Amino acid sequence: MTSLLQSVVQRALALPEEQQNALAALLLEEIESEQCWQESFARSPDVLDKLAEEALEEDREGRTMDLADLL
């Protein structure tokens, strides 16, 4: 276990049980989500490249907005 994770676990141990369970649920959800993404990209490694190229093309065509304009 890394020192950062050890630090997080120590701090989590000081939380009430309800908050510990909520934190654990969030962590498990994040781990499962990451595994799903990794499996998806492993099955179709060219998908991310294709999506990136589509996004760049949309930007070149002026079909995107600057994030700062949305705020």
N, C-alpha and C. Protein backbone atom coordinates (compact mmCIF):
# COMPACT_ATOMS: atom_id res chain seq x y z
N MET A 1 0.85 -1.17 0.00
CA MET A 1 0.00 0.00 0.00
C MET A 1 0.90 1.23 0.00
N THR A 2 0.52 2.21 -0.79
CA THR A 2 1.32 3.44 -0.84
C THR A 2 1.12 4.25 0.43
N SER A 3 2.05 5.16 0.68
CA SER A 3 1.94 6.00 1.87
C SER A 3 0.72 6.93 1.78
N LEU A 4 0.41 7.38 0.56
CA LEU A 4 -0.77 8.24 0.39
C LEU A 4 -2.05 7.47 0.73
N LEU A 5 -2.16 6.26 0.24
CA LEU A 5 -3.35 5.46 0.54
C LEU A 5 -3.41 5.13 2.03
N GLN A 6 -2.27 4.85 2.64
CA GLN A 6 -2.25 4.61 4.09
C GLN A 6 -2.76 5.82 4.85
N SER A 7 -2.35 7.00 4.41
CA SER A 7 -2.80 8.23 5.05
C SER A 7 -4.31 8.39 4.91
N VAL A 8 -4.83 8.10 3.75
CA VAL A 8 -6.27 8.20 3.52
C VAL A 8 -7.02 7.21 4.40
N VAL A 9 -6.52 6.00 4.48
CA VAL A 9 -7.18 4.98 5.30
C VAL A 9 -7.18 5.41 6.77
N GLN A 10 -6.07 5.93 7.24
CA GLN A 10 -6.01 6.39 8.63
C GLN A 10 -7.03 7.49 8.90
N ARG A 11 -7.15 8.42 7.97
CA ARG A 11 -8.13 9.49 8.15
C ARG A 11 -9.55 8.95 8.06
N ALA A 12 -9.77 7.99 7.18
CA ALA A 12 -11.10 7.40 7.03
C ALA A 12 -11.51 6.65 8.30
N LEU A 13 -10.55 6.03 8.97
CA LEU A 13 -10.86 5.31 10.20
C LEU A 13 -11.40 6.22 11.29
N ALA A 14 -11.09 7.49 11.20
CA ALA A 14 -11.56 8.45 12.20
C ALA A 14 -12.99 8.93 11.92
N LEU A 15 -13.50 8.60 10.75
CA LEU A 15 -14.85 9.03 10.39
C LEU A 15 -15.90 8.13 11.02
N PRO A 16 -17.12 8.65 11.18
CA PRO A 16 -18.22 7.80 11.65
C PRO A 16 -18.48 6.68 10.64
N GLU A 17 -19.04 5.59 11.10
CA GLU A 17 -19.27 4.41 10.25
C GLU A 17 -20.05 4.75 8.98
N GLU A 18 -21.05 5.60 9.10
CA GLU A 18 -21.87 5.95 7.93
C GLU A 18 -21.00 6.62 6.85
N GLN A 19 -20.13 7.52 7.27
CA GLN A 19 -19.25 8.20 6.32
C GLN A 19 -18.20 7.24 5.75
N GLN A 20 -17.73 6.31 6.57
CA GLN A 20 -16.78 5.31 6.08
C GLN A 20 -17.43 4.48 4.98
N ASN A 21 -18.68 4.07 5.21
CA ASN A 21 -19.38 3.27 4.21
C ASN A 21 -19.63 4.07 2.93
N ALA A 22 -19.95 5.34 3.06
CA ALA A 22 -20.17 6.18 1.88
C ALA A 22 -18.86 6.32 1.09
N LEU A 23 -17.77 6.53 1.79
CA LEU A 23 -16.46 6.65 1.15
C LEU A 23 -16.08 5.34 0.46
N ALA A 24 -16.30 4.24 1.14
CA ALA A 24 -15.99 2.93 0.56
C ALA A 24 -16.81 2.69 -0.70
N ALA A 25 -18.08 3.06 -0.68
CA ALA A 25 -18.94 2.88 -1.85
C ALA A 25 -18.43 3.72 -3.03
N LEU A 26 -18.01 4.95 -2.74
CA LEU A 26 -17.47 5.80 -3.80
C LEU A 26 -16.19 5.21 -4.40
N LEU A 27 -15.32 4.73 -3.55
CA LEU A 27 -14.07 4.15 -4.02
C LEU A 27 -14.33 2.91 -4.87
N LEU A 28 -15.22 2.04 -4.40
CA LEU A 28 -15.54 0.84 -5.17
C LEU A 28 -16.14 1.19 -6.53
N GLU A 29 -17.02 2.17 -6.54
CA GLU A 29 -17.64 2.60 -7.79
C GLU A 29 -16.58 3.13 -8.76
N GLU A 30 -15.64 3.90 -8.25
CA GLU A 30 -14.58 4.45 -9.09
C GLU A 30 -13.67 3.35 -9.63
N ILE A 31 -13.32 2.38 -8.80
CA ILE A 31 -12.48 1.27 -9.25
C ILE A 31 -13.20 0.47 -10.33
N GLU A 32 -14.47 0.17 -10.11
CA GLU A 32 -15.24 -0.59 -11.11
C GLU A 32 -15.39 0.19 -12.41
N SER A 33 -15.60 1.48 -12.32
CA SER A 33 -15.72 2.32 -13.51
C SER A 33 -14.42 2.31 -14.30
N GLU A 34 -13.31 2.46 -13.60
CA GLU A 34 -12.01 2.46 -14.26
C GLU A 34 -11.75 1.13 -14.94
N GLN A 35 -12.12 0.03 -14.29
CA GLN A 35 -11.93 -1.29 -14.90
C GLN A 35 -12.77 -1.43 -16.16
N CYS A 36 -13.99 -0.91 -16.13
CA CYS A 36 -14.85 -0.96 -17.32
C CYS A 36 -14.24 -0.19 -18.47
N TRP A 37 -13.71 1.01 -18.18
CA TRP A 37 -13.08 1.81 -19.23
C TRP A 37 -11.87 1.07 -19.79
N GLN A 38 -11.05 0.51 -18.92
CA GLN A 38 -9.85 -0.20 -19.38
C GLN A 38 -10.22 -1.38 -20.27
N GLU A 39 -11.26 -2.12 -19.88
CA GLU A 39 -11.70 -3.26 -20.68
C GLU A 39 -12.27 -2.80 -22.02
N SER A 40 -13.02 -1.71 -22.00
CA SER A 40 -13.59 -1.19 -23.25
C SER A 40 -12.50 -0.77 -24.22
N PHE A 41 -11.50 -0.04 -23.73
CA PHE A 41 -10.43 0.40 -24.61
C PHE A 41 -9.55 -0.76 -25.05
N ALA A 42 -9.41 -1.77 -24.23
CA ALA A 42 -8.60 -2.93 -24.62
C ALA A 42 -9.28 -3.69 -25.77
N ARG A 43 -10.61 -3.72 -25.77
CA ARG A 43 -11.34 -4.40 -26.84
C ARG A 43 -11.30 -3.61 -28.14
N SER A 44 -11.23 -2.30 -28.04
CA SER A 44 -11.26 -1.43 -29.22
C SER A 44 -10.24 -0.30 -29.05
N PRO A 45 -8.96 -0.61 -29.20
CA PRO A 45 -7.93 0.40 -28.93
C PRO A 45 -8.00 1.62 -29.85
N ASP A 46 -8.59 1.47 -31.03
CA ASP A 46 -8.64 2.59 -31.96
C ASP A 46 -9.82 3.54 -31.68
N VAL A 47 -10.72 3.16 -30.78
CA VAL A 47 -11.90 3.98 -30.51
C VAL A 47 -11.51 5.34 -29.94
N LEU A 48 -10.60 5.37 -29.00
CA LEU A 48 -10.20 6.64 -28.39
C LEU A 48 -9.55 7.55 -29.43
N ASP A 49 -8.71 6.98 -30.29
CA ASP A 49 -8.09 7.77 -31.36
C ASP A 49 -9.15 8.36 -32.28
N LYS A 50 -10.15 7.56 -32.61
CA LYS A 50 -11.22 8.02 -33.50
C LYS A 50 -12.02 9.15 -32.83
N LEU A 51 -12.34 8.98 -31.56
CA LEU A 51 -13.09 10.02 -30.85
C LEU A 51 -12.28 11.31 -30.76
N ALA A 52 -11.00 11.19 -30.51
CA ALA A 52 -10.14 12.38 -30.43
C ALA A 52 -10.09 13.09 -31.78
N GLU A 53 -9.96 12.34 -32.85
CA GLU A 53 -9.92 12.94 -34.18
C GLU A 53 -11.24 13.63 -34.52
N GLU A 54 -12.36 13.01 -34.14
CA GLU A 54 -13.67 13.64 -34.37
C GLU A 54 -13.78 14.96 -33.60
N ALA A 55 -13.30 14.97 -32.36
CA ALA A 55 -13.36 16.19 -31.56
C ALA A 55 -12.49 17.28 -32.17
N LEU A 56 -11.31 16.92 -32.63
CA LEU A 56 -10.43 17.90 -33.26
C LEU A 56 -11.05 18.45 -34.55
N GLU A 57 -11.67 17.60 -35.31
CA GLU A 57 -12.33 18.03 -36.54
C GLU A 57 -13.48 18.99 -36.24
N GLU A 58 -14.27 18.68 -35.22
CA GLU A 58 -15.35 19.58 -34.83
C GLU A 58 -14.79 20.93 -34.42
N ASP A 59 -13.67 20.94 -33.73
CA ASP A 59 -13.05 22.19 -33.31
C ASP A 59 -12.55 22.97 -34.52
N ARG A 60 -11.92 22.28 -35.46
CA ARG A 60 -11.42 22.95 -36.66
C ARG A 60 -12.57 23.58 -37.45
N GLU A 61 -13.73 22.93 -37.42
CA GLU A 61 -14.89 23.42 -38.15
C GLU A 61 -15.67 24.48 -37.37
N GLY A 62 -15.20 24.81 -36.17
CA GLY A 62 -15.86 25.83 -35.37
C GLY A 62 -17.14 25.36 -34.71
N ARG A 63 -17.27 24.08 -34.52
CA ARG A 63 -18.49 23.53 -33.90
C ARG A 63 -18.33 23.24 -32.41
N THR A 64 -17.34 23.87 -31.79
CA THR A 64 -17.12 23.70 -30.35
C THR A 64 -17.18 25.05 -29.66
N MET A 65 -17.32 25.01 -28.33
CA MET A 65 -17.33 26.23 -27.54
C MET A 65 -16.20 26.16 -26.53
N ASP A 66 -15.62 27.30 -26.25
CA ASP A 66 -14.60 27.39 -25.21
C ASP A 66 -15.28 27.21 -23.86
N LEU A 67 -14.73 26.37 -23.01
CA LEU A 67 -15.31 26.12 -21.70
C LEU A 67 -15.49 27.40 -20.91
N ALA A 68 -14.56 28.33 -21.03
CA ALA A 68 -14.66 29.60 -20.31
C ALA A 68 -15.90 30.39 -20.71
N ASP A 69 -16.37 30.21 -21.96
CA ASP A 69 -17.57 30.89 -22.42
C ASP A 69 -18.83 30.35 -21.74
N LEU A 70 -18.75 29.15 -21.22
CA LEU A 70 -19.92 28.53 -20.58
C LEU A 70 -20.07 28.97 -19.13
N LEU A 71 -19.02 29.49 -18.55
CA LEU A 71 -19.05 29.86 -17.13
C LEU A 71 -19.51 31.24 -16.91
